[in-house]
């Protein structure tokens, strides 16, 4: 069963463009960094605020490519549509939620 979930998630990720994969990595990295702080402080805007800060850091560090806020919003919408990620009630990313919900249903 776990192998099926991994395979489904892998197939969804392989269908993404390179930009969307980069955005997914950025969201994953930021989400990992803010999770504990968000739970302890109860701040629901912390994740999205830190995503904006990460984009600004990418821009000011002189990277050739960095996502715009519009690209981030479209990618999050697509990730929600295909079941890769959604923003939960705590304002944090929830990854592979459709597959996980299928296990417990």
N, C-alpha and C. Protein backbone atom coordinates (compact mmCIF):
# COMPACT_ATOMS: atom_id res chain seq x y z
N UNK A 1 0.82 -1.19 0.00
CA UNK A 1 0.00 0.00 0.00
C UNK A 1 0.87 1.26 0.00
N UNK A 2 1.92 1.28 0.84
CA UNK A 2 2.81 2.44 0.86
C UNK A 2 3.51 2.62 -0.48
N UNK A 3 3.85 1.51 -1.14
CA UNK A 3 4.50 1.59 -2.45
C UNK A 3 3.56 2.23 -3.46
N UNK A 4 2.26 1.94 -3.37
CA UNK A 4 1.29 2.54 -4.27
C UNK A 4 1.22 4.05 -4.07
N UNK A 5 1.25 4.48 -2.83
CA UNK A 5 1.22 5.91 -2.53
C UNK A 5 2.46 6.59 -3.07
N UNK A 6 3.61 5.96 -2.85
CA UNK A 6 4.86 6.53 -3.36
C UNK A 6 4.83 6.60 -4.87
N UNK A 7 4.33 5.57 -5.53
CA UNK A 7 4.27 5.56 -6.99
C UNK A 7 3.32 6.64 -7.51
N UNK A 8 2.16 6.79 -6.90
CA UNK A 8 1.21 7.83 -7.33
C UNK A 8 1.81 9.22 -7.16
N UNK A 9 2.44 9.46 -6.02
CA UNK A 9 3.05 10.76 -5.76
C UNK A 9 4.18 11.02 -6.74
N UNK A 10 5.00 10.01 -7.01
CA UNK A 10 6.10 10.15 -7.95
C UNK A 10 5.59 10.50 -9.35
N UNK A 11 4.53 9.84 -9.78
CA UNK A 11 3.97 10.13 -11.10
C UNK A 11 3.45 11.56 -11.18
N UNK A 12 2.82 12.03 -10.12
CA UNK A 12 2.33 13.41 -10.11
C UNK A 12 3.49 14.40 -10.18
N UNK A 13 4.55 14.12 -9.47
CA UNK A 13 5.71 15.02 -9.48
C UNK A 13 6.37 15.03 -10.85
N UNK A 14 6.44 13.89 -11.50
CA UNK A 14 7.09 13.82 -12.82
C UNK A 14 6.29 14.56 -13.88
N UNK A 15 4.99 14.78 -13.65
CA UNK A 15 4.16 15.53 -14.59
C UNK A 15 4.34 17.04 -14.46
N UNK A 16 5.06 17.50 -13.43
CA UNK A 16 5.25 18.94 -13.22
C UNK A 16 6.35 19.47 -14.13
N UNK A 17 6.27 20.77 -14.41
CA UNK A 17 7.35 21.43 -15.15
C UNK A 17 8.53 21.65 -14.21
N UNK A 18 9.68 22.01 -14.78
CA UNK A 18 10.86 22.26 -13.95
C UNK A 18 10.63 23.42 -12.99
N UNK A 19 9.95 24.47 -13.45
CA UNK A 19 9.65 25.60 -12.57
C UNK A 19 8.77 25.17 -11.41
N UNK A 20 7.76 24.35 -11.70
CA UNK A 20 6.86 23.88 -10.64
C UNK A 20 7.59 22.98 -9.64
N UNK A 21 8.54 22.18 -10.14
CA UNK A 21 9.34 21.35 -9.24
C UNK A 21 10.20 22.23 -8.34
N UNK A 22 10.76 23.30 -8.89
CA UNK A 22 11.56 24.22 -8.09
C UNK A 22 10.71 24.91 -7.04
N UNK A 23 9.50 25.30 -7.42
CA UNK A 23 8.58 25.94 -6.47
C UNK A 23 8.19 24.94 -5.39
N UNK A 24 7.94 23.69 -5.76
CA UNK A 24 7.58 22.68 -4.79
C UNK A 24 8.72 22.49 -3.78
N UNK A 25 9.95 22.46 -4.26
CA UNK A 25 11.10 22.33 -3.36
C UNK A 25 11.19 23.53 -2.42
N UNK A 26 10.98 24.73 -2.96
CA UNK A 26 11.00 25.94 -2.14
C UNK A 26 9.93 25.87 -1.05
N UNK A 27 8.71 25.48 -1.42
CA UNK A 27 7.62 25.38 -0.45
C UNK A 27 7.91 24.32 0.60
N UNK A 28 8.48 23.20 0.16
CA UNK A 28 8.81 22.13 1.10
C UNK A 28 9.86 22.60 2.10
N UNK A 29 10.90 23.27 1.60
CA UNK A 29 11.99 23.75 2.46
C UNK A 29 11.48 24.78 3.47
N UNK A 30 10.70 25.74 2.99
CA UNK A 30 10.16 26.77 3.89
C UNK A 30 9.20 26.15 4.89
N UNK A 31 8.35 25.24 4.45
CA UNK A 31 7.40 24.58 5.35
C UNK A 31 8.09 23.80 6.45
N UNK A 32 9.19 23.14 6.09
CA UNK A 32 9.94 22.38 7.08
C UNK A 32 10.55 23.30 8.13
N UNK A 33 11.01 24.47 7.70
CA UNK A 33 11.66 25.40 8.61
C UNK A 33 10.69 26.09 9.57
N UNK A 34 9.45 26.32 9.15
CA UNK A 34 8.53 27.12 9.97
C UNK A 34 7.53 26.30 10.77
N UNK A 35 7.48 25.01 10.56
CA UNK A 35 6.42 24.19 11.18
C UNK A 35 6.41 24.31 12.71
N UNK A 36 7.54 24.13 13.35
CA UNK A 36 7.58 24.17 14.82
C UNK A 36 7.22 25.56 15.32
N UNK A 37 7.81 26.58 14.69
CA UNK A 37 7.52 27.95 15.12
C UNK A 37 6.05 28.29 14.94
N UNK A 38 5.46 27.83 13.84
CA UNK A 38 4.05 28.12 13.60
C UNK A 38 3.16 27.46 14.65
N UNK A 39 3.48 26.23 15.03
CA UNK A 39 2.67 25.55 16.04
C UNK A 39 2.84 26.18 17.42
N UNK A 40 4.06 26.60 17.76
CA UNK A 40 4.27 27.17 19.09
C UNK A 40 3.71 28.57 19.22
N UNK A 41 3.80 29.37 18.15
CA UNK A 41 3.30 30.75 18.23
C UNK A 41 1.84 30.86 17.83
N UNK A 42 1.35 29.89 17.05
CA UNK A 42 -0.03 29.96 16.58
C UNK A 42 -0.22 30.93 15.43
N UNK A 43 0.87 31.40 14.85
CA UNK A 43 0.81 32.36 13.75
C UNK A 43 0.47 31.63 12.45
N UNK A 44 -0.69 31.91 11.88
CA UNK A 44 -1.14 31.21 10.67
C UNK A 44 -0.59 31.81 9.38
N UNK A 45 -0.01 32.99 9.45
CA UNK A 45 0.54 33.63 8.26
C UNK A 45 2.03 33.39 8.10
N UNK A 46 2.62 32.66 9.01
CA UNK A 46 4.07 32.50 9.04
C UNK A 46 4.61 31.82 7.79
N UNK A 47 3.95 30.78 7.32
CA UNK A 47 4.44 30.05 6.15
C UNK A 47 4.49 30.94 4.92
N UNK A 48 3.38 31.59 4.59
CA UNK A 48 3.34 32.41 3.38
C UNK A 48 4.27 33.62 3.51
N UNK A 49 4.40 34.17 4.69
CA UNK A 49 5.32 35.29 4.91
C UNK A 49 6.76 34.83 4.66
N UNK A 50 7.10 33.63 5.12
CA UNK A 50 8.45 33.13 4.91
C UNK A 50 8.70 32.74 3.45
N UNK A 51 7.65 32.33 2.74
CA UNK A 51 7.80 32.08 1.30
C UNK A 51 8.16 33.39 0.60
N UNK A 52 7.48 34.47 0.95
CA UNK A 52 7.79 35.78 0.37
C UNK A 52 9.22 36.19 0.69
N UNK A 53 9.66 35.94 1.92
CA UNK A 53 11.03 36.28 2.30
C UNK A 53 12.04 35.45 1.51
N UNK A 54 11.73 34.18 1.29
CA UNK A 54 12.64 33.31 0.53
C UNK A 54 12.76 33.79 -0.92
N UNK A 55 11.65 34.23 -1.51
CA UNK A 55 11.69 34.76 -2.88
C UNK A 55 12.55 36.02 -2.91
N UNK A 56 12.37 36.87 -1.92
CA UNK A 56 13.15 38.11 -1.86
C UNK A 56 14.64 37.80 -1.72
N UNK A 57 14.98 36.81 -0.87
CA UNK A 57 16.38 36.40 -0.72
C UNK A 57 16.95 35.88 -2.04
N UNK A 58 16.14 35.12 -2.77
CA UNK A 58 16.59 34.59 -4.06
C UNK A 58 16.85 35.73 -5.03
N UNK A 59 15.96 36.71 -5.04
CA UNK A 59 16.10 37.85 -5.95
C UNK A 59 17.33 38.68 -5.63
N UNK A 60 17.53 38.98 -4.35
CA UNK A 60 18.64 39.85 -3.96
C UNK A 60 19.98 39.14 -4.00
N UNK A 61 19.99 37.82 -3.99
CA UNK A 61 21.26 37.10 -4.04
C UNK A 61 21.78 36.96 -5.47
N UNK A 62 21.00 37.41 -6.44
CA UNK A 62 21.47 37.42 -7.82
C UNK A 62 21.23 36.14 -8.59
N UNK A 63 20.33 35.31 -8.13
CA UNK A 63 20.02 34.09 -8.87
C UNK A 63 19.39 34.44 -10.22
N UNK A 64 19.64 33.61 -11.21
CA UNK A 64 19.08 33.87 -12.54
C UNK A 64 17.58 33.68 -12.56
N UNK A 65 17.10 32.68 -11.84
CA UNK A 65 15.66 32.42 -11.83
C UNK A 65 15.15 32.42 -10.41
N UNK A 66 14.05 33.09 -10.22
CA UNK A 66 13.32 33.03 -8.96
C UNK A 66 11.85 33.19 -9.31
N UNK A 67 10.97 32.51 -8.57
CA UNK A 67 9.55 32.55 -8.92
C UNK A 67 8.90 33.87 -8.52
N UNK A 68 7.93 34.29 -9.31
CA UNK A 68 7.13 35.45 -8.93
C UNK A 68 6.04 34.97 -7.98
N UNK A 69 5.40 35.91 -7.31
CA UNK A 69 4.32 35.55 -6.40
C UNK A 69 3.16 34.92 -7.17
N UNK A 70 2.94 35.39 -8.40
CA UNK A 70 1.89 34.83 -9.24
C UNK A 70 2.19 33.36 -9.58
N UNK A 71 3.45 33.05 -9.89
CA UNK A 71 3.82 31.67 -10.17
C UNK A 71 3.62 30.78 -8.94
N UNK A 72 3.95 31.31 -7.78
CA UNK A 72 3.76 30.55 -6.53
C UNK A 72 2.28 30.25 -6.33
N UNK A 73 1.43 31.25 -6.51
CA UNK A 73 -0.02 31.07 -6.33
C UNK A 73 -0.58 30.05 -7.30
N UNK A 74 -0.17 30.15 -8.58
CA UNK A 74 -0.65 29.18 -9.57
C UNK A 74 -0.16 27.77 -9.26
N UNK A 75 1.09 27.66 -8.81
CA UNK A 75 1.63 26.34 -8.48
C UNK A 75 0.89 25.73 -7.30
N UNK A 76 0.62 26.53 -6.27
CA UNK A 76 -0.12 26.02 -5.11
C UNK A 76 -1.51 25.55 -5.54
N UNK A 77 -2.17 26.31 -6.41
CA UNK A 77 -3.49 25.89 -6.91
C UNK A 77 -3.40 24.57 -7.66
N UNK A 78 -2.36 24.42 -8.48
CA UNK A 78 -2.19 23.17 -9.23
C UNK A 78 -1.88 22.02 -8.28
N UNK A 79 -1.02 22.26 -7.29
CA UNK A 79 -0.69 21.21 -6.33
C UNK A 79 -1.93 20.75 -5.58
N UNK A 80 -2.81 21.69 -5.24
CA UNK A 80 -4.06 21.33 -4.56
C UNK A 80 -4.95 20.52 -5.49
N UNK A 81 -5.02 20.92 -6.74
CA UNK A 81 -5.89 20.25 -7.71
C UNK A 81 -5.46 18.80 -7.93
N UNK A 82 -4.15 18.54 -8.02
CA UNK A 82 -3.68 17.17 -8.27
C UNK A 82 -3.44 16.38 -6.99
N UNK A 83 -3.57 17.04 -5.83
CA UNK A 83 -3.45 16.33 -4.56
C UNK A 83 -2.05 16.25 -3.99
N UNK A 84 -1.12 17.05 -4.50
CA UNK A 84 0.24 17.03 -3.96
C UNK A 84 0.37 17.82 -2.66
N UNK A 85 -0.30 18.96 -2.58
CA UNK A 85 -0.15 19.82 -1.41
C UNK A 85 -1.36 20.71 -1.27
N UNK A 86 -1.70 21.02 -0.04
CA UNK A 86 -2.69 22.06 0.23
C UNK A 86 -2.27 22.77 1.50
N UNK A 87 -2.80 23.96 1.69
CA UNK A 87 -2.53 24.72 2.91
C UNK A 87 -3.62 24.34 3.92
N UNK A 88 -3.21 23.82 5.07
CA UNK A 88 -4.19 23.37 6.06
C UNK A 88 -4.71 24.53 6.91
N UNK A 89 -5.55 24.21 7.89
CA UNK A 89 -6.18 25.25 8.71
C UNK A 89 -5.18 25.99 9.60
N UNK A 90 -3.99 25.44 9.79
CA UNK A 90 -2.95 26.12 10.56
C UNK A 90 -2.08 27.01 9.68
N UNK A 91 -2.38 27.05 8.38
CA UNK A 91 -1.59 27.87 7.46
C UNK A 91 -0.30 27.20 7.03
N UNK A 92 -0.20 25.89 7.20
CA UNK A 92 1.01 25.15 6.85
C UNK A 92 0.73 24.19 5.70
N UNK A 93 1.76 23.83 4.94
CA UNK A 93 1.54 22.91 3.82
C UNK A 93 1.30 21.49 4.31
N UNK A 94 0.37 20.82 3.67
CA UNK A 94 0.07 19.42 3.94
C UNK A 94 0.35 18.67 2.64
N UNK A 95 1.33 17.79 2.65
CA UNK A 95 1.80 17.14 1.43
C UNK A 95 1.11 15.81 1.19
N UNK A 96 0.84 15.49 -0.08
CA UNK A 96 0.23 14.23 -0.54
C UNK A 96 -1.03 13.91 0.26
N UNK A 97 -1.87 14.90 0.45
CA UNK A 97 -3.03 14.74 1.33
C UNK A 97 -4.09 13.81 0.77
N UNK A 98 -4.24 13.73 -0.54
CA UNK A 98 -5.28 12.84 -1.08
C UNK A 98 -4.92 11.38 -0.85
N UNK A 99 -3.64 11.03 -1.03
CA UNK A 99 -3.22 9.65 -0.80
C UNK A 99 -3.32 9.29 0.68
N UNK A 100 -2.91 10.21 1.54
CA UNK A 100 -2.95 9.96 2.98
C UNK A 100 -4.39 9.82 3.45
N UNK A 101 -5.28 10.66 2.95
CA UNK A 101 -6.70 10.55 3.32
C UNK A 101 -7.28 9.23 2.83
N UNK A 102 -6.80 8.73 1.69
CA UNK A 102 -7.27 7.45 1.17
C UNK A 102 -6.90 6.28 2.06
N UNK A 103 -5.78 6.39 2.75
CA UNK A 103 -5.36 5.32 3.65
C UNK A 103 -6.28 5.23 4.85
N UNK A 104 -6.64 6.40 5.41
CA UNK A 104 -7.42 6.42 6.63
C UNK A 104 -8.93 6.38 6.39
N UNK A 105 -9.36 6.42 5.14
CA UNK A 105 -10.80 6.39 4.85
C UNK A 105 -11.31 4.97 4.81
